Amino acid sequence: MLRLENVSYAYQKGGEDALKNLNMDFSKGSCVGLLGENGAGKSTIFLNMLGIYRPSRGKIYYRDQELVYSKKALNDFRSKVSMVFQDPDQQIFYSNVKDDIAFALKNQKMDPDLIEEKVQKSMEAVNITHLANRPVHYLSYGQKKRVAIAGILAMDCETILFDEPTAGLDPSMTESIKELLASLVAQGKKLIVSSHDMDFIYQVCDYVYVISHGQMVTEGSIDQVFLNEKAIQEAGLIPPTLVRMHLHGKTPLFKKEEDLYAYLRERAEESH
């Protein structure tokens, strides 16, 4: 799994560090959250992890092997580790949905029948089979996001990075992303999800790192980190709704809103 060891990164040689001496081990959970407000350094961490940026200091490891920056080594690495960018236009290349999803597989010179099978399966996973022959530039933002995700799913990577996967999405699409992440974890995929959406991270992740201005604030299991209200506020964030209800409303700590509603209904019935 991916691991950062004393990683610092500056955009310009001799410039101020955007990332500062980060140590992160992403094997600590099946779906690991990377939390921070906008500008905290989440995307910069991801670009270093993918080998698009190279740390100014420190090292990145995958399966205990130090990342090598030759073209061949990076291509091999990215067949195992890939990323869904926040802006889908950053990773959509073809005008046709189906061809775009097949792009990376064709570059690998995969058998055409296998490509067809993988593309079909990935479109079904994100519910866009009806868009297969649609020009990408006619799609909505949310539909483009699904196409970008399908393109990564078709590659069948071991580890997938999701950079702000719910940004710009409506509530219905956000729920479908939650379901997709859960299904990927059930398939044995390792997921790393960056976001400043606390409720989303609380529901989908089992371990989290919290950063602010490129520095580590805290890390730990979901409950351990989110119950530390002071550390969360230091990072410019607020705890998830269900955690705030627990801390200030004295309700039990629930993972799902439905469980909280059931509890409140039960209490209301008891009081009558």
Protein backbone atom coordinates (compact mmCIF):
# COMPACT_ATOMS: atom_id res chain seq x y z
CA MET A 1 0.00 0.00 0.00
CA LEU A 2 1.04 3.64 -0.38
CA ARG A 3 3.20 5.25 2.26
CA LEU A 4 4.74 8.72 2.59
CA GLU A 5 7.96 9.04 4.58
CA ASN A 6 9.01 12.55 5.66
CA VAL A 7 7.60 14.04 2.44
CA SER A 8 7.96 17.76 1.78
CA TYR A 9 7.17 19.50 -1.50
CA ALA A 10 7.77 23.03 -2.82
CA TYR A 11 6.38 24.24 -6.14
CA GLN A 12 9.59 26.15 -6.84
CA LYS A 13 13.12 25.19 -5.91
CA GLY A 14 14.04 27.08 -2.76
CA GLY A 15 10.42 28.20 -2.31
CA GLU A 16 8.16 27.71 0.67
CA ASP A 17 7.08 24.13 1.30
CA ALA A 18 3.48 23.39 0.32
CA LEU A 19 3.81 20.01 2.08
CA LYS A 20 5.84 19.76 5.27
CA ASN A 21 7.41 16.54 6.51
CA LEU A 22 4.36 14.32 6.05
CA ASN A 23 4.32 10.72 7.25
CA MET A 24 1.27 8.75 6.11
CA ASP A 25 0.61 5.03 5.89
CA PHE A 26 -2.48 4.34 3.81
CA SER A 27 -2.57 0.65 4.75
CA LYS A 28 -4.25 1.62 8.03
CA GLY A 29 -7.75 1.40 6.51
CA SER A 30 -9.70 0.06 3.55
CA CYS A 31 -11.05 3.50 2.71
CA VAL A 32 -8.75 6.21 4.09
CA GLY A 33 -9.86 9.82 4.23
CA LEU A 34 -7.61 12.82 3.61
CA LEU A 35 -9.28 15.81 5.23
CA GLY A 36 -8.53 19.51 5.05
CA GLU A 37 -10.08 22.78 4.03
CA ASN A 38 -9.60 24.10 0.48
CA GLY A 39 -5.91 24.85 -0.09
CA ALA A 40 -4.74 22.54 2.71
CA GLY A 41 -2.62 20.50 0.30
CA LYS A 42 -4.81 17.46 -0.41
CA SER A 43 -4.49 17.56 -4.20
CA THR A 44 -0.75 18.24 -3.92
CA ILE A 45 -0.38 15.10 -1.81
CA PHE A 46 -2.25 13.09 -4.43
CA LEU A 47 -0.10 14.42 -7.28
CA ASN A 48 3.02 13.46 -5.34
CA MET A 49 1.59 10.02 -4.63
CA LEU A 50 0.96 9.48 -8.35
CA GLY A 51 4.47 10.57 -9.34
CA ILE A 52 3.18 13.60 -11.26
CA TYR A 53 5.05 15.73 -8.73
CA ARG A 54 8.26 14.57 -7.06
CA PRO A 55 8.90 15.33 -3.38
CA SER A 56 11.52 17.99 -2.61
CA ARG A 57 12.49 15.82 0.35
CA GLY A 58 11.37 12.43 1.60
CA LYS A 59 10.20 9.29 -0.20
CA ILE A 60 7.04 7.59 -1.39
CA TYR A 61 6.64 3.82 -1.22
CA TYR A 62 4.20 1.38 -2.78
CA ARG A 63 4.16 -2.14 -1.36
CA ASP A 64 7.40 -1.27 0.46
CA GLN A 65 9.17 -0.39 -2.82
CA GLU A 66 10.38 3.18 -3.28
CA LEU A 67 8.69 4.96 -6.15
CA VAL A 68 10.89 5.09 -9.27
CA TYR A 69 10.38 8.02 -11.66
CA SER A 70 11.36 6.49 -15.01
CA LYS A 71 8.58 6.47 -17.63
CA LYS A 72 8.36 2.67 -17.66
CA ALA A 73 8.27 2.38 -13.86
CA LEU A 74 5.61 5.09 -13.54
CA ASN A 75 3.44 3.48 -16.24
CA ASP A 76 3.62 0.19 -14.38
CA PHE A 77 2.86 1.90 -11.07
CA ARG A 78 -0.15 3.75 -12.53
CA SER A 79 -1.61 0.48 -13.81
CA LYS A 80 -1.96 -0.44 -10.12
CA VAL A 81 -2.65 3.01 -8.64
CA SER A 82 -4.84 5.59 -10.36
CA MET A 83 -6.78 8.71 -9.56
CA VAL A 84 -10.17 10.26 -10.22
CA PHE A 85 -9.48 14.00 -10.49
CA GLN A 86 -11.78 16.59 -8.94
CA ASP A 87 -12.40 18.16 -12.35
CA PRO A 88 -13.50 15.43 -14.80
CA ASP A 89 -12.33 17.50 -17.79
CA GLN A 90 -8.75 16.88 -16.62
CA GLN A 91 -9.00 13.19 -17.51
CA ILE A 92 -11.54 13.01 -20.34
CA PHE A 93 -9.84 12.80 -23.75
CA TYR A 94 -12.29 11.42 -26.32
CA SER A 95 -15.50 12.97 -27.62
CA ASN A 96 -17.44 9.69 -27.27
CA VAL A 97 -18.20 8.27 -23.80
CA LYS A 98 -17.47 4.63 -24.61
CA ASP A 99 -14.22 5.43 -26.44
CA ASP A 100 -13.07 7.64 -23.59
CA ILE A 101 -13.55 4.87 -21.03
CA ALA A 102 -11.64 2.47 -23.30
CA PHE A 103 -8.76 4.91 -23.89
CA ALA A 104 -6.25 3.57 -21.33
CA LEU A 105 -7.10 -0.05 -22.12
CA LYS A 106 -6.42 0.47 -25.82
CA ASN A 107 -3.09 2.06 -24.93
CA GLN A 108 -2.24 -1.15 -23.10
CA LYS A 109 -3.02 -3.05 -26.33
CA MET A 110 -5.57 -5.19 -24.53
CA ASP A 111 -7.71 -7.71 -26.42
CA PRO A 112 -10.72 -5.88 -27.98
CA ASP A 113 -13.25 -8.34 -26.53
CA LEU A 114 -11.80 -7.87 -23.05
CA ILE A 115 -11.89 -4.09 -23.50
CA GLU A 116 -15.56 -4.30 -24.46
CA GLU A 117 -16.31 -6.39 -21.37
CA LYS A 118 -14.44 -4.06 -18.98
CA VAL A 119 -15.97 -0.91 -20.46
CA GLN A 120 -19.48 -2.34 -20.25
CA LYS A 121 -18.96 -3.43 -16.64
CA SER A 122 -17.57 -0.04 -15.59
CA MET A 123 -20.45 1.82 -17.27
CA GLU A 124 -22.94 -0.35 -15.41
CA ALA A 125 -21.15 0.34 -12.11
CA VAL A 126 -21.77 4.10 -12.44
CA ASN A 127 -25.11 3.82 -14.27
CA ILE A 128 -24.13 5.41 -17.61
CA THR A 129 -24.78 2.60 -20.11
CA HIS A 130 -27.45 4.81 -21.70
CA LEU A 131 -24.77 7.43 -22.42
CA ALA A 132 -22.34 5.05 -24.17
CA ASN A 133 -22.43 6.75 -27.57
CA ARG A 134 -23.12 10.29 -26.35
CA PRO A 135 -20.56 13.04 -27.10
CA VAL A 136 -18.84 13.93 -23.83
CA HIS A 137 -19.13 17.68 -24.35
CA TYR A 138 -22.94 17.41 -24.22
CA LEU A 139 -22.91 15.84 -20.76
CA SER A 140 -23.62 17.54 -17.45
CA TYR A 141 -20.85 17.97 -14.87
CA GLY A 142 -22.17 15.03 -12.85
CA GLN A 143 -22.36 12.80 -15.93
CA LYS A 144 -18.78 13.72 -16.88
CA LYS A 145 -17.72 12.79 -13.35
CA ARG A 146 -19.28 9.35 -13.83
CA VAL A 147 -17.43 8.92 -17.14
CA ALA A 148 -14.12 9.80 -15.44
CA ILE A 149 -14.81 7.29 -12.65
CA ALA A 150 -15.80 4.60 -15.18
CA GLY A 151 -12.50 5.12 -17.01
CA ILE A 152 -10.59 4.40 -13.81
CA LEU A 153 -12.78 1.43 -12.87
CA ALA A 154 -12.17 -0.12 -16.29
CA MET A 155 -8.44 -0.21 -15.53
CA ASP A 156 -9.15 -2.43 -12.51
CA CYS A 157 -6.46 -0.80 -10.33
CA GLU A 158 -5.58 -2.09 -6.88
CA THR A 159 -5.67 1.38 -5.33
CA ILE A 160 -7.83 4.34 -6.38
CA LEU A 161 -7.42 7.95 -5.26
CA PHE A 162 -10.59 10.06 -5.30
CA ASP A 163 -9.96 13.82 -5.17
CA GLU A 164 -13.09 15.60 -3.85
CA PRO A 165 -15.42 13.01 -5.45
CA THR A 166 -18.64 14.79 -4.42
CA ALA A 167 -17.62 18.34 -5.40
CA GLY A 168 -20.31 19.90 -7.58
CA LEU A 169 -22.66 16.92 -7.30
CA ASP A 170 -26.31 16.93 -6.28
CA PRO A 171 -27.47 14.91 -3.22
CA SER A 172 -28.67 11.98 -5.35
CA MET A 173 -25.33 11.62 -7.13
CA THR A 174 -23.49 11.99 -3.83
CA GLU A 175 -25.45 9.03 -2.45
CA SER A 176 -24.58 6.96 -5.52
CA ILE A 177 -20.87 7.78 -5.00
CA LYS A 178 -21.14 6.53 -1.40
CA GLU A 179 -22.65 3.27 -2.65
CA LEU A 180 -19.97 2.92 -5.32
CA LEU A 181 -17.13 3.39 -2.80
CA ALA A 182 -18.70 0.81 -0.49
CA SER A 183 -18.94 -1.70 -3.34
CA LEU A 184 -15.29 -1.11 -4.32
CA VAL A 185 -14.16 -1.72 -0.73
CA ALA A 186 -16.25 -4.93 -0.71
CA GLN A 187 -14.35 -6.01 -3.85
CA GLY A 188 -11.06 -5.59 -1.99
CA LYS A 189 -9.96 -2.29 -3.55
CA LYS A 190 -7.95 0.16 -1.46
CA LEU A 191 -9.42 3.66 -1.58
CA ILE A 192 -7.99 7.03 -0.57
CA VAL A 193 -10.54 9.85 -0.58
CA SER A 194 -9.77 13.55 -0.19
CA SER A 195 -12.54 15.93 0.82
CA HIS A 196 -13.58 18.80 3.05
CA ASP A 197 -17.08 17.27 3.24
CA MET A 198 -17.03 15.95 6.80
CA ASP A 199 -20.36 14.11 6.66
CA PHE A 200 -19.30 12.26 3.51
CA ILE A 201 -15.92 11.19 4.93
CA TYR A 202 -17.54 10.13 8.21
CA GLN A 203 -19.86 7.78 6.36
CA VAL A 204 -17.45 6.21 3.85
CA CYS A 205 -14.01 6.06 5.53
CA ASP A 206 -12.59 3.97 8.36
CA TYR A 207 -9.34 5.90 8.96
CA VAL A 208 -8.50 9.56 8.39
CA TYR A 209 -5.59 11.98 8.13
CA VAL A 210 -6.32 15.65 8.83
CA ILE A 211 -4.00 18.29 7.37
CA SER A 212 -3.81 22.06 7.45
CA HIS A 213 -1.44 24.24 5.40
CA GLY A 214 0.46 21.15 4.26
CA GLN A 215 1.08 19.89 7.79
CA MET A 216 -0.36 16.99 9.74
CA VAL A 217 -2.91 17.96 12.39
CA THR A 218 -4.05 14.52 13.53
CA GLU A 219 -4.76 10.98 12.36
CA GLY A 220 -6.67 7.96 13.56
CA SER A 221 -9.86 5.96 13.27
CA ILE A 222 -13.02 7.81 12.30
CA ASP A 223 -14.42 8.00 15.83
CA GLN A 224 -11.05 8.82 17.39
CA VAL A 225 -10.43 11.78 15.09
CA PHE A 226 -13.92 13.25 14.81
CA LEU A 227 -14.51 13.19 18.56
CA ASN A 228 -11.41 15.41 18.88
CA GLU A 229 -13.33 18.61 18.17
CA LYS A 230 -10.40 20.88 19.01
CA ALA A 231 -8.11 19.28 16.40
CA ILE A 232 -10.85 19.38 13.77
CA GLN A 233 -11.43 23.08 14.41
CA GLU A 234 -7.66 23.75 14.23
CA ALA A 235 -7.80 22.46 10.66
CA GLY A 236 -10.56 24.94 9.80
CA LEU A 237 -13.25 22.26 9.77
CA ILE A 238 -16.26 21.30 11.88
CA PRO A 239 -17.17 17.77 13.01
CA PRO A 240 -19.80 15.84 11.03
CA THR A 241 -23.46 16.46 11.88
CA LEU A 242 -23.92 13.13 13.68
CA VAL A 243 -20.80 13.72 15.77
CA ARG A 244 -21.97 17.22 16.75
CA MET A 245 -25.33 15.75 17.77
CA HIS A 246 -23.45 13.32 19.99
CA LEU A 247 -21.09 15.93 21.47
CA HIS A 248 -23.62 18.69 22.07
CA GLY A 249 -27.04 17.03 21.85
CA LYS A 250 -26.04 14.09 24.05
CA THR A 251 -27.39 11.51 21.58
CA PRO A 252 -25.56 8.19 21.08
CA LEU A 253 -22.90 8.28 18.37
CA PHE A 254 -24.56 7.05 15.17
CA LYS A 255 -22.95 6.33 11.82
CA LYS A 256 -26.10 6.81 9.73
CA GLU A 257 -28.77 9.51 9.88
CA GLU A 258 -31.50 6.84 9.65
CA ASP A 259 -30.30 5.38 12.97
CA LEU A 260 -30.47 8.81 14.62
CA TYR A 261 -34.02 9.36 13.33
CA ALA A 262 -35.10 5.94 14.62
CA TYR A 263 -33.62 6.77 18.02
CA LEU A 264 -35.40 10.17 18.16
CA ARG A 265 -38.72 8.59 17.13
CA GLU A 266 -38.35 5.98 19.86
CA ARG A 267 -37.60 8.66 22.46
CA ALA A 268 -40.61 10.71 21.29
CA GLU A 269 -42.91 7.67 21.60
CA GLU A 270 -41.60 6.91 25.09
CA SER A 271 -42.36 10.46 26.24
CA HIS A 272 -46.04 10.25 25.24
